[in-house]
Protein backbone atom coordinates (compact mmCIF):
# COMPACT_ATOMS: atom_id res chain seq x y z
CA MET A 1 -20.05 -8.02 -243.18
CA MET A 2 -18.53 -7.49 -239.70
CA PHE A 3 -22.06 -7.06 -238.29
CA THR A 4 -23.07 -10.44 -239.63
CA TYR A 5 -20.07 -12.12 -238.21
CA ASP A 6 -20.61 -10.61 -234.74
CA ARG A 7 -24.19 -11.69 -234.93
CA ARG A 8 -23.32 -15.30 -235.64
CA ASN A 9 -20.65 -15.40 -233.15
CA ARG A 10 -23.09 -14.27 -230.46
CA LEU A 11 -25.74 -16.53 -231.46
CA PHE A 12 -23.23 -19.47 -231.51
CA ARG A 13 -22.21 -18.45 -227.98
CA LEU A 14 -25.75 -18.39 -226.65
CA LEU A 15 -26.45 -21.73 -228.31
CA SER A 16 -23.46 -23.27 -226.79
CA ALA A 17 -24.36 -21.85 -223.30
CA ALA A 18 -27.91 -23.25 -223.51
CA ILE A 19 -26.67 -26.62 -224.61
CA LEU A 20 -24.05 -26.85 -221.67
CA ILE A 21 -26.79 -25.72 -219.32
CA ALA A 22 -29.25 -28.48 -220.41
CA ALA A 23 -26.55 -30.87 -220.35
CA LEU A 24 -25.55 -30.10 -216.77
CA GLU A 25 -29.23 -30.20 -215.59
CA THR A 26 -29.66 -33.69 -217.32
CA VAL A 27 -26.58 -34.93 -215.57
CA ALA A 28 -27.64 -33.57 -212.16
CA ILE A 29 -31.16 -35.06 -212.62
CA GLY A 30 -29.74 -38.43 -213.71
CA ALA A 31 -27.21 -38.55 -210.60
CA MET A 32 -30.29 -37.84 -208.32
CA ILE A 33 -32.26 -40.75 -209.88
CA GLU A 34 -29.31 -43.20 -209.88
CA HIS A 35 -28.59 -42.22 -206.16
CA ARG A 36 -32.34 -43.20 -205.27
CA ALA A 37 -32.10 -46.35 -207.47
CA ARG A 38 -28.82 -47.48 -205.84
CA ILE A 39 -30.37 -47.45 -202.58
CA LEU A 40 -33.42 -49.46 -203.63
CA ARG A 41 -31.06 -51.94 -205.44
CA SER A 42 -28.71 -52.76 -202.64
CA GLY A 43 -29.86 -51.08 -199.29
CA ALA A 44 -30.60 -52.85 -196.14
CA ASP A 45 -34.23 -53.75 -195.71
CA VAL A 46 -36.27 -52.34 -192.98
CA LEU A 47 -39.93 -52.84 -192.13
CA LEU A 48 -41.63 -50.09 -190.44
CA LYS A 49 -45.16 -49.48 -188.75
CA THR A 50 -47.00 -46.40 -189.65
CA THR A 51 -48.97 -44.37 -187.10
CA ALA A 52 -52.01 -42.01 -187.58
CA VAL A 53 -51.58 -38.70 -188.86
CA ASP A 54 -53.81 -35.76 -188.00
CA PRO A 55 -56.79 -35.96 -190.30
CA ARG A 56 -56.55 -32.32 -191.32
CA ASP A 57 -53.23 -33.36 -193.14
CA LEU A 58 -54.28 -36.36 -194.61
CA LEU A 59 -53.94 -36.33 -198.49
CA ARG A 60 -52.54 -33.40 -200.44
CA GLY A 61 -52.62 -33.92 -204.25
CA ASP A 62 -51.52 -37.36 -205.17
CA TYR A 63 -49.54 -38.36 -202.19
CA VAL A 64 -50.21 -39.69 -198.64
CA LEU A 65 -48.58 -38.72 -195.42
CA LEU A 66 -46.88 -41.28 -193.48
CA ASN A 67 -45.63 -41.20 -189.75
CA TYR A 68 -43.65 -43.72 -187.96
CA GLY A 69 -43.14 -44.84 -184.47
CA ILE A 70 -39.33 -44.41 -185.02
CA SER A 71 -39.88 -40.74 -185.63
CA VAL A 72 -40.34 -40.20 -181.82
CA ILE A 73 -36.96 -40.52 -180.14
CA PRO A 74 -37.27 -40.69 -176.24
CA GLU A 75 -34.62 -38.71 -174.33
CA GLU A 76 -33.34 -42.00 -172.69
CA LYS A 77 -32.32 -43.33 -176.15
CA LEU A 78 -29.79 -40.55 -176.72
CA VAL A 79 -26.14 -41.80 -176.19
CA GLY A 80 -22.94 -39.59 -176.55
CA GLU A 81 -22.41 -35.91 -176.35
CA ARG A 82 -25.20 -33.68 -176.91
CA PRO A 83 -24.59 -30.15 -178.45
CA SER A 84 -24.24 -27.44 -175.71
CA THR A 85 -25.46 -24.68 -178.14
CA PRO A 86 -28.35 -24.40 -180.74
CA GLU A 87 -27.36 -26.31 -183.97
CA ARG A 88 -29.12 -27.53 -186.97
CA LEU A 89 -27.89 -31.07 -187.42
CA PRO A 90 -29.08 -34.64 -188.15
CA LEU A 91 -29.41 -37.40 -185.74
CA ASN A 92 -28.05 -40.91 -186.29
CA VAL A 93 -30.68 -43.61 -185.27
CA ARG A 94 -29.80 -47.26 -184.77
CA LEU A 95 -32.81 -49.62 -185.53
CA THR A 96 -33.05 -53.21 -184.50
CA ALA A 97 -35.90 -55.62 -185.39
CA GLY A 98 -38.23 -56.38 -182.84
CA ALA A 99 -39.99 -59.86 -182.03
CA ASP A 100 -42.80 -58.98 -184.63
CA GLY A 101 -40.16 -58.18 -187.33
CA PHE A 102 -40.85 -54.28 -187.18
CA TYR A 103 -37.78 -52.16 -186.64
CA GLN A 104 -37.72 -49.94 -183.58
CA VAL A 105 -35.14 -47.49 -182.11
CA GLU A 106 -32.34 -48.88 -180.05
CA GLU A 107 -30.26 -45.88 -179.57
CA ALA A 108 -29.77 -42.32 -181.18
CA SER A 109 -26.75 -40.11 -181.28
CA PHE A 110 -25.65 -36.80 -182.61
CA GLU A 111 -22.28 -38.52 -183.17
CA THR A 112 -21.45 -41.31 -185.57
CA LEU A 113 -22.67 -44.66 -184.40
CA PRO A 114 -20.49 -47.78 -184.96
CA VAL A 115 -21.70 -50.43 -187.46
CA ARG A 116 -23.15 -53.33 -185.70
CA SER A 117 -24.54 -56.74 -186.96
CA GLY A 118 -28.16 -57.16 -186.67
CA SER A 119 -28.89 -53.39 -186.75
CA VAL A 120 -29.43 -50.61 -189.39
CA ILE A 121 -28.39 -46.92 -188.86
CA LEU A 122 -30.72 -44.14 -190.24
CA GLN A 123 -29.89 -40.53 -190.40
CA THR A 124 -32.65 -38.15 -189.89
CA GLU A 125 -33.07 -34.86 -191.90
CA PRO A 126 -31.22 -32.11 -190.28
CA PHE A 127 -33.34 -30.24 -187.65
CA ASP A 128 -32.86 -27.29 -185.16
CA PHE A 129 -31.63 -28.64 -181.82
CA ILE A 130 -31.87 -26.35 -178.93
CA PRO A 131 -30.37 -27.91 -175.66
CA THR A 132 -33.24 -26.76 -173.38
CA MET A 133 -35.82 -28.52 -175.62
CA LEU A 134 -34.82 -31.89 -174.22
CA THR A 135 -35.36 -32.57 -170.72
CA ALA A 136 -35.40 -36.11 -168.72
CA GLY A 137 -38.21 -38.02 -169.89
CA GLY A 138 -38.79 -35.83 -172.94
CA VAL A 139 -38.84 -36.80 -176.69
CA LEU A 140 -37.34 -35.56 -179.97
CA HIS A 141 -39.75 -35.62 -183.06
CA VAL A 142 -37.56 -36.24 -186.24
CA ARG A 143 -38.18 -36.76 -189.86
CA TYR A 144 -36.27 -39.17 -192.20
CA GLY A 145 -37.51 -37.88 -195.56
CA ILE A 146 -39.75 -41.00 -196.15
CA GLU A 147 -42.88 -39.28 -194.72
CA ARG A 148 -44.67 -38.85 -198.10
CA TYR A 149 -45.63 -41.47 -200.56
CA TYR A 150 -46.85 -40.70 -204.06
CA LEU A 151 -49.85 -42.73 -205.45
CA PRO A 152 -51.81 -42.96 -208.63
CA GLU A 153 -54.64 -40.21 -208.55
CA GLY A 154 -57.68 -41.21 -206.51
CA GLU A 155 -56.18 -44.18 -204.50
CA GLY A 156 -55.31 -42.28 -201.49
CA LYS A 157 -58.56 -42.53 -199.28
CA GLU A 158 -58.46 -46.30 -198.80
CA ILE A 159 -54.79 -46.05 -197.74
CA GLU A 160 -55.52 -43.10 -195.48
CA ALA A 161 -58.23 -45.05 -193.74
CA ALA A 162 -56.08 -48.15 -193.47
CA ARG A 163 -53.09 -46.04 -192.27
CA ASN A 164 -55.11 -44.48 -189.49
CA ALA A 165 -56.30 -47.78 -188.33
CA GLY A 166 -52.74 -49.26 -188.31
CA ASP A 167 -53.06 -51.55 -191.25
CA VAL A 168 -50.47 -49.94 -193.35
CA THR A 169 -46.70 -50.83 -193.15
CA VAL A 170 -43.84 -49.89 -195.15
CA ASP A 171 -40.79 -51.50 -196.55
CA VAL A 172 -37.61 -49.22 -196.73
CA ARG A 173 -34.17 -49.65 -197.99
CA VAL A 174 -31.38 -47.88 -196.29
CA SER A 175 -28.08 -46.99 -197.68
CA SER A 176 -24.66 -47.71 -196.04
CA GLY A 177 -24.78 -43.86 -195.39
CA GLY A 178 -28.12 -44.09 -193.56
CA GLN A 179 -30.43 -42.71 -196.25
CA PRO A 180 -33.78 -44.41 -196.65
CA GLN A 181 -36.01 -44.87 -199.58
CA ILE A 182 -39.43 -46.40 -199.47
CA ARG A 183 -39.49 -49.67 -201.39
CA GLN A 184 -43.20 -50.56 -201.09
CA LEU A 185 -46.40 -49.96 -199.17
CA ARG A 186 -48.16 -52.99 -197.58
CA LEU A 187 -51.86 -53.10 -196.68
CA GLY A 188 -52.68 -55.81 -194.17
CA GLY A 189 -49.38 -57.25 -194.77
CA LYS A 190 -49.90 -57.69 -198.50
CA PRO A 191 -47.89 -55.64 -201.02
CA LEU A 192 -49.89 -52.63 -202.22
CA HIS A 193 -47.60 -50.24 -204.16
CA SER A 194 -43.95 -50.94 -205.15
CA GLU A 195 -41.31 -48.39 -206.05
CA PRO A 196 -39.91 -48.77 -209.44
CA LEU A 197 -36.14 -48.33 -209.67
CA TYR A 198 -36.47 -45.49 -212.35
């Protein structure tokens, strides 16, 4: 009798723990999806030009690699204090629309940039900054987390060729905290793929 009670008690505890873990994982995944959807619903709109990518890295599986002009930050665009020791940190990048409607880098800083009308601030992914890597006239190569776009299987080749020819543009939504999400791809200015909220 005692053995049966202990066994049931242990089974109940294991089952409870499994349900709790599954519930926590579901909540965590739901929070990530809602965070992305919130940016797509209410973020600031930014239009970006893509640039060609080395053909050896074109399409892996069901996504296409994207590169942007704003991913190269010239040294003269950096404002504010620069770290004096090696650090892993993000860069804040202010974008403004050019005459053609495409956004470009106005300035970048390792410090917080003030909000200013007519501009959008993007935050890069953290990268390893070494003070000696940036000399006068040099550039920083950064990533924003929007360098990969998933596509239905078999639809990547046309987009790769158009991207390398400079015909692919990307509509991006940016949260107030500087996090971007791809909203849609355009081919020759016409909408090609739109991201669903969920």
